[in-house]
Protein backbone atom coordinates (compact mmCIF):
# COMPACT_ATOMS: atom_id res chain seq x y z
CA MET A 1 -8.04 36.72 -24.58
CA ALA A 2 -8.20 36.53 -20.79
CA THR A 3 -8.70 33.09 -19.24
CA THR A 4 -10.27 32.15 -15.93
CA ASP A 5 -8.41 29.93 -13.52
CA LEU A 6 -10.95 27.30 -12.49
CA GLY A 7 -8.48 25.60 -10.15
CA PRO A 8 -9.61 27.20 -6.86
CA ASP A 9 -13.30 26.42 -7.51
CA ARG A 10 -12.45 22.87 -8.54
CA ARG A 11 -10.32 22.25 -5.49
CA GLU A 12 -13.06 23.65 -3.28
CA ARG A 13 -15.45 21.08 -4.78
CA ILE A 14 -12.92 18.33 -4.14
CA VAL A 15 -12.66 19.35 -0.48
CA GLN A 16 -16.45 19.37 -0.19
CA GLU A 17 -16.70 15.91 -1.73
CA VAL A 18 -14.20 14.56 0.77
CA ARG A 19 -16.02 16.21 3.65
CA ASP A 20 -19.33 14.75 2.47
CA ARG A 21 -18.07 11.24 1.70
CA GLY A 22 -15.02 10.83 3.95
CA THR A 23 -12.93 9.32 1.16
CA VAL A 24 -13.02 9.74 -2.61
CA ARG A 25 -11.46 8.05 -5.62
CA VAL A 26 -9.46 10.04 -8.19
CA ARG A 27 -11.47 8.47 -11.03
CA ASP A 28 -14.82 9.35 -9.43
CA LEU A 29 -13.71 12.96 -8.97
CA ALA A 30 -12.47 13.19 -12.55
CA ASP A 31 -15.81 11.93 -13.86
CA LYS A 32 -17.83 14.29 -11.66
CA LEU A 33 -15.69 17.34 -12.37
CA GLU A 34 -15.25 16.45 -16.04
CA VAL A 35 -11.50 16.83 -15.95
CA SER A 36 -8.53 14.50 -16.47
CA LEU A 37 -7.16 12.11 -13.90
CA MET A 38 -3.89 14.06 -13.96
CA THR A 39 -5.72 17.31 -13.08
CA VAL A 40 -7.39 15.69 -10.08
CA ARG A 41 -4.10 14.18 -8.92
CA ARG A 42 -2.41 17.59 -9.10
CA ASP A 43 -5.25 19.17 -7.14
CA ILE A 44 -5.10 16.47 -4.46
CA GLU A 45 -1.31 16.82 -4.24
CA LEU A 46 -1.67 20.61 -3.77
CA LEU A 47 -4.38 20.21 -1.14
CA ALA A 48 -2.35 17.56 0.67
CA GLY A 49 0.64 19.90 0.65
CA GLU A 50 -1.53 22.57 2.28
CA GLY A 51 -2.59 20.12 4.98
CA VAL A 52 -6.24 20.06 3.90
CA LEU A 53 -6.44 16.44 2.69
CA GLU A 54 -4.47 13.24 3.02
CA ARG A 55 -3.47 11.35 -0.10
CA ILE A 56 -4.13 7.62 -0.18
CA HIS A 57 -3.62 5.08 -2.96
CA GLY A 58 -6.07 5.98 -5.73
CA GLY A 59 -7.79 8.80 -3.87
CA ALA A 60 -7.92 11.11 -0.88
CA ARG A 61 -9.47 11.39 2.56
CA LEU A 62 -9.72 13.90 5.36
CA ARG A 63 -6.41 14.52 7.05
CA GLY A 64 -5.78 12.10 9.90
CA GLY A 65 -8.03 9.46 8.37
CA ARG A 66 -11.28 10.97 9.71
CA VAL A 67 -14.43 10.07 7.83
CA ALA A 68 -17.71 11.89 7.44
CA LEU A 69 -19.37 9.60 9.98
CA GLU A 70 -16.72 9.10 12.66
CA PRO A 71 -16.52 5.46 13.78
CA SER A 72 -16.33 4.65 17.46
CA PRO A 73 -12.90 3.72 18.91
CA LYS A 74 -13.96 0.05 18.85
CA GLU A 75 -15.04 0.30 15.18
CA LYS A 76 -11.79 2.01 14.29
CA GLY A 77 -9.91 -0.90 15.79
CA LEU A 78 -11.94 -3.33 13.72
CA LEU A 79 -11.69 -1.30 10.51
CA ASN A 80 -7.99 -0.44 10.81
CA PRO A 81 -6.25 -3.17 12.78
CA GLY A 82 -2.90 -2.64 11.09
CA GLU A 83 -2.76 1.14 11.15
CA LYS A 84 -0.24 2.68 13.53
CA ARG A 85 -0.37 -0.09 16.20
CA ALA A 86 0.63 -3.22 14.28
CA ILE A 87 4.31 -4.11 14.43
CA ALA A 88 5.91 -5.74 11.38
CA LYS A 89 9.25 -7.41 10.84
CA LEU A 90 10.43 -8.35 7.34
CA ALA A 91 13.95 -9.50 6.60
CA ALA A 92 14.29 -7.94 3.11
CA GLU A 93 17.21 -5.92 1.85
CA ARG A 94 15.69 -4.71 -1.43
CA VAL A 95 12.32 -3.50 -2.75
CA MET A 96 10.93 -3.01 -6.26
CA LEU A 97 9.55 0.49 -6.73
CA ALA A 98 6.14 0.85 -8.41
CA ASP A 99 5.40 3.59 -10.92
CA GLY A 100 2.10 5.48 -11.11
CA ASP A 101 -1.42 4.48 -10.17
CA ARG A 102 -1.09 1.31 -12.27
CA LEU A 103 1.87 0.27 -10.06
CA LEU A 104 4.00 -0.72 -13.05
CA PRO A 105 7.24 -2.48 -11.93
CA GLY A 106 10.14 -0.05 -11.60
CA ASP A 107 13.70 -0.19 -10.36
CA THR A 108 14.77 -2.51 -7.53
CA VAL A 109 16.55 -0.53 -4.82
CA ALA A 110 17.84 -1.01 -1.27
CA VAL A 111 15.20 -0.52 1.43
CA GLU A 112 17.31 2.40 2.69
CA HIS A 113 16.02 4.28 -0.39
CA ASP A 114 12.95 5.13 1.76
CA PRO A 115 13.55 3.54 5.19
CA ALA A 116 10.43 5.02 6.80
CA ARG A 117 8.35 3.21 4.23
CA PHE A 118 10.30 0.07 3.36
CA ASP A 119 12.82 -0.89 6.06
CA PHE A 120 11.26 -3.36 8.51
CA ARG A 121 14.35 -5.51 9.13
CA ALA A 122 14.55 -4.62 12.83
CA GLY A 123 10.77 -4.75 13.38
CA ARG A 124 8.76 -1.59 14.02
CA PRO A 125 5.20 -0.19 13.86
CA ILE A 126 3.76 0.04 10.35
CA GLY A 127 2.28 3.42 11.24
CA SER A 128 0.95 5.32 8.26
CA ALA A 129 3.36 3.77 5.73
CA GLU A 130 1.52 2.86 2.52
CA ILE A 131 2.97 -0.24 0.88
CA ASP A 132 1.99 -2.17 -2.23
CA HIS A 133 5.41 -3.45 -3.28
CA ALA A 134 7.45 -6.53 -3.94
CA PHE A 135 10.41 -7.13 -1.60
CA GLU A 136 13.40 -9.28 -2.50
CA THR A 137 14.38 -11.64 0.31
CA ALA A 138 17.03 -13.45 -1.80
CA GLY A 139 16.29 -16.74 -0.07
CA ALA A 140 14.16 -18.12 2.74
CA GLY A 141 12.20 -15.36 4.46
CA SER A 142 9.55 -14.52 6.99
CA VAL A 143 7.10 -11.81 8.03
CA LEU A 144 6.11 -11.27 11.67
CA LEU A 145 3.03 -9.18 12.44
CA THR A 146 1.98 -8.50 16.04
CA ASP A 147 0.10 -6.09 18.18
CA PRO A 148 1.99 -4.10 20.87
CA ALA A 149 1.47 -7.00 23.31
CA GLY A 150 3.32 -9.40 20.98
CA VAL A 151 0.25 -11.37 19.85
CA GLY A 152 0.01 -11.94 16.14
CA VAL A 153 1.01 -14.17 13.26
CA ARG A 154 4.19 -15.30 11.50
CA MET A 155 4.52 -16.36 7.87
CA GLU A 156 7.58 -18.24 6.65
CA TRP A 157 8.69 -19.50 3.25
CA ASP A 158 11.60 -21.39 1.74
CA ALA A 159 14.38 -20.19 -0.55
CA ARG A 160 12.40 -21.09 -3.68
CA SER A 161 10.35 -17.95 -3.05
CA ALA A 162 12.90 -15.14 -3.22
CA TRP A 163 10.27 -12.38 -3.44
CA VAL A 164 7.28 -11.37 -1.34
CA GLN A 165 4.50 -8.92 -2.19
CA VAL A 166 3.27 -6.83 0.75
CA HIS A 167 0.18 -4.60 0.67
CA THR A 168 -1.12 -2.50 3.54
CA ALA A 169 -4.63 -2.53 2.00
CA ASP A 170 -5.01 1.23 1.73
CA ARG A 171 -8.46 1.74 0.28
CA PRO A 172 -10.74 4.80 -0.09
CA GLU A 173 -13.70 2.89 1.43
CA PRO A 174 -13.68 3.31 5.24
CA GLU A 175 -15.05 -0.20 5.81
CA LEU A 176 -12.25 -1.76 3.75
CA HIS A 177 -9.36 0.56 4.55
CA ARG A 178 -6.53 -1.44 6.19
CA ALA A 179 -8.77 -4.40 6.93
CA GLY A 180 -5.66 -6.56 6.93
CA LEU A 181 -2.09 -6.94 5.69
CA ALA A 182 -1.59 -8.91 2.45
CA VAL A 183 1.57 -11.03 2.26
CA GLU A 184 2.28 -13.20 -0.81
CA PRO A 185 5.57 -15.12 -1.19
CA MET A 186 6.50 -15.35 -4.87
CA THR A 187 8.97 -17.46 -6.78
CA CYS A 188 9.76 -14.60 -9.17
CA ALA A 189 9.70 -10.84 -9.40
CA PRO A 190 6.71 -8.90 -10.79
CA ASP A 191 6.86 -8.75 -14.61
CA ALA A 192 9.17 -11.77 -14.65
CA PHE A 193 7.89 -12.83 -18.06
CA ASN A 194 9.59 -9.73 -19.43
CA SER A 195 12.56 -9.33 -17.08
CA GLY A 196 13.29 -13.01 -16.46
CA SER A 197 14.07 -12.25 -12.80
CA GLY A 198 13.42 -15.48 -10.87
CA LEU A 199 11.40 -16.95 -13.71
CA VAL A 200 11.16 -20.74 -13.51
CA ARG A 201 11.05 -22.51 -16.86
CA LEU A 202 9.50 -25.96 -16.90
CA GLU A 203 9.78 -28.50 -19.65
CA PRO A 204 6.78 -30.74 -20.38
CA GLY A 205 6.28 -33.10 -17.42
CA GLU A 206 8.47 -31.11 -15.02
CA THR A 207 7.19 -29.78 -11.69
CA HIS A 208 8.23 -27.06 -9.28
CA THR A 209 7.17 -26.68 -5.67
CA ALA A 210 7.58 -24.01 -3.01
CA TRP A 211 6.75 -24.10 0.70
CA CYS A 212 5.26 -21.61 3.12
CA ALA A 213 3.63 -21.83 6.56
CA ILE A 214 1.54 -19.57 8.82
CA SER A 215 1.63 -19.83 12.60
CA ALA A 216 0.18 -17.98 15.58
CA VAL A 217 2.53 -15.97 17.83
CA GLY A 218 1.99 -15.13 21.48
């Protein structure tokens, strides 16, 4: 029996949805098209490879970050303050990879594993790097985030927080996309209850403290 490949029609509908809405979620597309999440992800990956769309965490948008209603340059600056212009510096040698859309903890590797995405030791523009990962600082650490003029903010923490979660806030909603940079010092690695990495065990009556500070720069 001959079968019909519905892929081209489905991908055309995906492109039209993105053009109409600017950004779309994988789950919303799967529900609308009545296909699996995996099918939508494969379609988006194919369209991204052809240069039609741009993949983002959990969805897709028009290539170059354009949306259906193009914001003014001032609005873009307000909506995406960290994208491309913000300069970050993070003294971390290792990063924990995240698997799949659920971001399940994976292997911990050197930041050289994907330097364009993870290596900010020397300080450089964030650009289009999408990050939602835990970095291992192995002691006291800091994050410096500035604009090209050197004005920004610094966050520091002591050696009791040997990990830091960093998220570039990549969202399918234009009004929320890259509205800020999330930085969370942590005393242990993600999934520490299972791995034991950095886990602090307290007996009844014991306490544990960690220190961090935020300051303006420039």
